[in-house]
Amino acid sequence: MSKKIITAVALAAATLVSGTAFAQANDGQWMVRVRAVNLQSANSDSTGLNLSVNDKTIPEVDFTYFYTKNLAVELILTVPQEHDLKASGAKIGTVTHLPPTVLVQYHFDAGGFKPYVGAGLNYTRFTDASLPAGVDISRDSFGGALQLGVDIPMGSGMYFNIDVKKAFIGTDVSAAGKKAGTFKVDPLLVGVGVGWRF
């Protein structure tokens, strides 16, 4: 191999390494992402009514703060979401919920790609419920949340993001003032979007 080729390869490698190091050095402590998320509900209940809510695609925004290169905390938000509530496939009403989630994340560095895992807490507030007379649901749900995702650099602090979450959301169902059972939504959320780190 000629000296010119060796020199060219060495210069290219040095440029790549220095460019990567420069990009890493300029990674800020904040990251904001926007995603389109497909919500797929598990729909399990103990009421005997075969309750379910519809799947849907929702907007999502998150704010991530990096305490270190690898450790971060993420707050996930969306707008209130309305779902049709069905019993054995027939619509019986609607429910509206707001499900903010906080996750602690660990970020890996895989040659530019940045996969991450997260775990945390989901709080869901059922803000409105249009249900048959005498039927009601509890308004608050606390549950765990798990996450797996990857940020793919696109340059200038911008990333393409793929994200999968499992949230544990449930509510007690009552009829005529007595508990009839528990309905678990427990959605799987699969999202794609973009993020900006600064």
Protein backbone atom coordinates (compact mmCIF):
# COMPACT_ATOMS: atom_id res chain seq x y z
CA MET A 1 0.00 0.00 0.00
CA SER A 2 1.45 3.35 -1.02
CA LYS A 3 2.30 6.10 1.41
CA LYS A 4 -0.35 8.35 -0.20
CA ILE A 5 -3.09 5.80 0.47
CA ILE A 6 -1.90 5.22 4.04
CA THR A 7 -1.81 8.98 4.62
CA ALA A 8 -5.30 9.45 3.14
CA VAL A 9 -6.76 6.65 5.28
CA ALA A 10 -5.07 8.04 8.40
CA LEU A 11 -6.39 11.54 7.70
CA ALA A 12 -9.92 10.20 7.07
CA ALA A 13 -9.83 8.20 10.30
CA ALA A 14 -8.53 11.20 12.25
CA THR A 15 -11.25 13.41 10.78
CA LEU A 16 -13.97 10.89 11.66
CA VAL A 17 -12.69 10.44 15.22
CA SER A 18 -12.28 14.16 15.80
CA GLY A 19 -15.72 14.85 14.30
CA THR A 20 -17.34 12.26 16.56
CA ALA A 21 -15.49 13.60 19.57
CA PHE A 22 -16.57 17.15 18.66
CA ALA A 23 -20.21 16.05 18.33
CA GLN A 24 -20.07 14.26 21.67
CA ALA A 25 -18.40 17.22 23.33
CA ASN A 26 -21.21 19.48 22.12
CA ASP A 27 -24.06 17.23 23.31
CA GLY A 28 -26.06 19.42 25.66
CA GLN A 29 -27.83 18.39 28.83
CA TRP A 30 -31.32 18.79 27.35
CA MET A 31 -33.15 16.87 24.65
CA VAL A 32 -36.65 17.45 23.29
CA ARG A 33 -38.41 14.89 21.10
CA VAL A 34 -41.71 14.82 19.26
CA ARG A 35 -43.23 11.49 18.21
CA ALA A 36 -46.23 9.91 16.57
CA VAL A 37 -47.18 7.00 18.84
CA ASN A 38 -49.44 4.05 18.12
CA LEU A 39 -51.26 3.07 21.31
CA GLN A 40 -52.25 -0.63 21.41
CA SER A 41 -54.34 -1.51 24.46
CA ALA A 42 -54.10 -4.87 26.25
CA ASN A 43 -57.80 -4.63 27.29
CA SER A 44 -58.16 -7.08 30.16
CA ASP A 45 -60.84 -6.82 32.84
CA SER A 46 -62.40 -8.74 35.69
CA THR A 47 -65.91 -7.30 35.39
CA GLY A 48 -67.27 -10.01 33.11
CA LEU A 49 -68.29 -7.32 30.58
CA ASN A 50 -65.36 -7.87 28.19
CA LEU A 51 -64.46 -4.17 28.30
CA SER A 52 -62.10 -2.62 25.75
CA VAL A 53 -60.93 0.75 24.43
CA ASN A 54 -59.92 1.44 20.84
CA ASP A 55 -56.33 1.62 19.65
CA LYS A 56 -55.24 4.94 18.18
CA THR A 57 -52.26 7.02 17.07
CA ILE A 58 -51.49 9.98 19.33
CA PRO A 59 -48.98 12.87 19.43
CA GLU A 60 -46.31 12.80 22.11
CA VAL A 61 -43.61 15.17 23.32
CA ASP A 62 -40.88 14.48 25.84
CA PHE A 63 -38.28 16.49 27.70
CA THR A 64 -35.06 14.71 28.74
CA TYR A 65 -32.40 16.01 31.10
CA PHE A 66 -28.98 14.30 31.10
CA TYR A 67 -27.39 14.21 34.54
CA THR A 68 -24.36 12.43 33.04
CA LYS A 69 -23.40 11.13 29.60
CA ASN A 70 -25.40 7.97 30.28
CA LEU A 71 -27.97 8.76 32.98
CA ALA A 72 -31.06 10.84 32.19
CA VAL A 73 -34.61 11.55 33.34
CA GLU A 74 -37.45 11.90 30.85
CA LEU A 75 -40.90 13.48 31.20
CA ILE A 76 -43.42 12.29 28.58
CA LEU A 77 -46.55 14.29 27.80
CA THR A 78 -49.47 14.27 25.39
CA VAL A 79 -52.83 16.00 25.08
CA PRO A 80 -55.94 14.46 26.71
CA GLN A 81 -57.05 11.43 24.69
CA GLU A 82 -60.63 10.27 24.19
CA HIS A 83 -61.36 6.57 23.67
CA ASP A 84 -64.51 4.65 22.89
CA LEU A 85 -65.33 2.23 25.70
CA LYS A 86 -66.89 -1.02 24.50
CA ALA A 87 -68.47 -4.01 26.21
CA SER A 88 -68.28 -7.21 24.15
CA GLY A 89 -67.59 -5.09 21.07
CA ALA A 90 -70.53 -2.69 21.48
CA LYS A 91 -69.83 0.94 22.36
CA ILE A 92 -71.23 1.89 25.77
CA GLY A 93 -69.55 5.26 26.25
CA THR A 94 -66.31 7.23 26.11
CA VAL A 95 -63.44 7.93 28.51
CA THR A 96 -60.85 10.70 28.33
CA HIS A 97 -57.48 10.36 29.99
CA LEU A 98 -54.23 12.28 30.46
CA PRO A 99 -51.20 10.00 31.08
CA PRO A 100 -47.94 11.84 31.97
CA THR A 101 -44.99 9.51 32.58
CA VAL A 102 -41.58 10.00 34.23
CA LEU A 103 -38.74 7.60 33.39
CA VAL A 104 -35.15 7.17 34.53
CA GLN A 105 -33.03 6.19 31.53
CA TYR A 106 -29.64 4.67 30.84
CA HIS A 107 -28.15 5.66 27.45
CA PHE A 108 -25.52 3.57 25.67
CA ASP A 109 -23.13 4.75 22.95
CA ALA A 110 -22.92 2.20 20.14
CA GLY A 111 -20.70 3.82 17.56
CA GLY A 112 -22.86 6.89 17.07
CA PHE A 113 -26.19 5.16 17.63
CA LYS A 114 -27.54 5.82 21.10
CA PRO A 115 -29.82 3.05 22.40
CA TYR A 116 -31.44 3.47 25.80
CA VAL A 117 -33.56 1.67 28.36
CA GLY A 118 -35.87 3.26 30.90
CA ALA A 119 -38.14 2.50 33.81
CA GLY A 120 -40.43 4.74 35.80
CA LEU A 121 -43.92 5.74 36.86
CA ASN A 122 -47.08 6.52 34.93
CA TYR A 123 -49.90 8.59 36.40
CA THR A 124 -53.15 8.60 34.43
CA ARG A 125 -56.00 10.95 35.22
CA PHE A 126 -59.37 10.03 33.74
CA THR A 127 -60.72 13.53 33.22
CA ASP A 128 -64.08 12.64 31.70
CA ALA A 129 -66.26 9.57 31.41
CA SER A 130 -69.53 9.28 29.50
CA LEU A 131 -70.94 5.97 30.75
CA PRO A 132 -74.30 4.24 31.23
CA ALA A 133 -76.36 5.36 34.23
CA GLY A 134 -75.07 3.87 37.47
CA VAL A 135 -71.68 2.90 35.99
CA ASP A 136 -68.51 4.74 36.98
CA ILE A 137 -64.72 4.36 37.02
CA SER A 138 -62.05 5.53 39.45
CA ARG A 139 -60.38 8.69 38.20
CA ASP A 140 -56.71 8.03 39.12
CA SER A 141 -54.28 5.32 38.08
CA PHE A 142 -50.66 4.85 39.20
CA GLY A 143 -48.52 2.19 37.56
CA GLY A 144 -45.08 1.31 36.30
CA ALA A 145 -43.66 2.03 32.86
CA LEU A 146 -40.86 0.37 30.87
CA GLN A 147 -39.05 1.73 27.84
CA LEU A 148 -36.64 0.71 25.07
CA GLY A 149 -35.48 3.04 22.32
CA VAL A 150 -32.71 4.40 20.15
CA ASP A 151 -31.61 7.86 18.98
CA ILE A 152 -29.91 7.93 15.58
CA PRO A 153 -27.78 11.04 14.83
CA MET A 154 -28.81 13.12 11.82
CA GLY A 155 -26.36 15.99 12.35
CA SER A 156 -26.51 19.45 13.94
CA GLY A 157 -27.86 18.06 17.23
CA MET A 158 -30.85 16.39 15.54
CA TYR A 159 -31.77 12.72 16.03
CA PHE A 160 -34.21 10.23 14.51
CA ASN A 161 -35.93 8.37 17.33
CA ILE A 162 -37.60 4.96 17.64
CA ASP A 163 -39.23 4.28 21.01
CA VAL A 164 -41.27 1.45 22.56
CA LYS A 165 -42.97 1.72 25.94
CA LYS A 166 -45.20 -0.45 28.11
CA ALA A 167 -47.38 1.44 30.58
CA PHE A 168 -49.47 -0.18 33.28
CA ILE A 169 -52.80 1.67 33.46
CA GLY A 170 -55.95 0.39 35.14
CA THR A 171 -59.14 1.61 36.78
CA ASP A 172 -61.76 0.16 39.10
CA VAL A 173 -65.24 -0.13 37.58
CA SER A 174 -68.31 0.27 39.77
CA ALA A 175 -72.00 -0.36 39.14
CA ALA A 176 -74.75 0.94 41.43
CA GLY A 177 -72.05 2.10 43.85
CA LYS A 178 -70.42 -1.33 44.17
CA LYS A 179 -67.10 -2.42 42.67
CA ALA A 180 -67.71 -4.66 39.66
CA GLY A 181 -64.05 -5.33 38.86
CA THR A 182 -60.89 -3.80 37.43
CA PHE A 183 -60.30 -2.82 33.82
CA LYS A 184 -56.67 -2.78 32.68
CA VAL A 185 -55.69 -0.84 29.58
CA ASP A 186 -51.93 -1.57 29.94
CA PRO A 187 -51.01 -0.14 26.51
CA LEU A 188 -48.00 -0.89 24.34
CA LEU A 189 -46.83 2.39 22.77
CA VAL A 190 -44.71 2.25 19.62
CA GLY A 191 -43.42 5.62 18.45
CA VAL A 192 -41.21 7.27 15.84
CA GLY A 193 -40.11 10.86 15.81
CA VAL A 194 -37.28 13.35 15.90
CA GLY A 195 -35.32 14.93 18.72
CA TRP A 196 -33.09 17.94 19.30
CA ARG A 197 -30.28 17.96 21.82
CA PHE A 198 -28.94 21.25 23.14
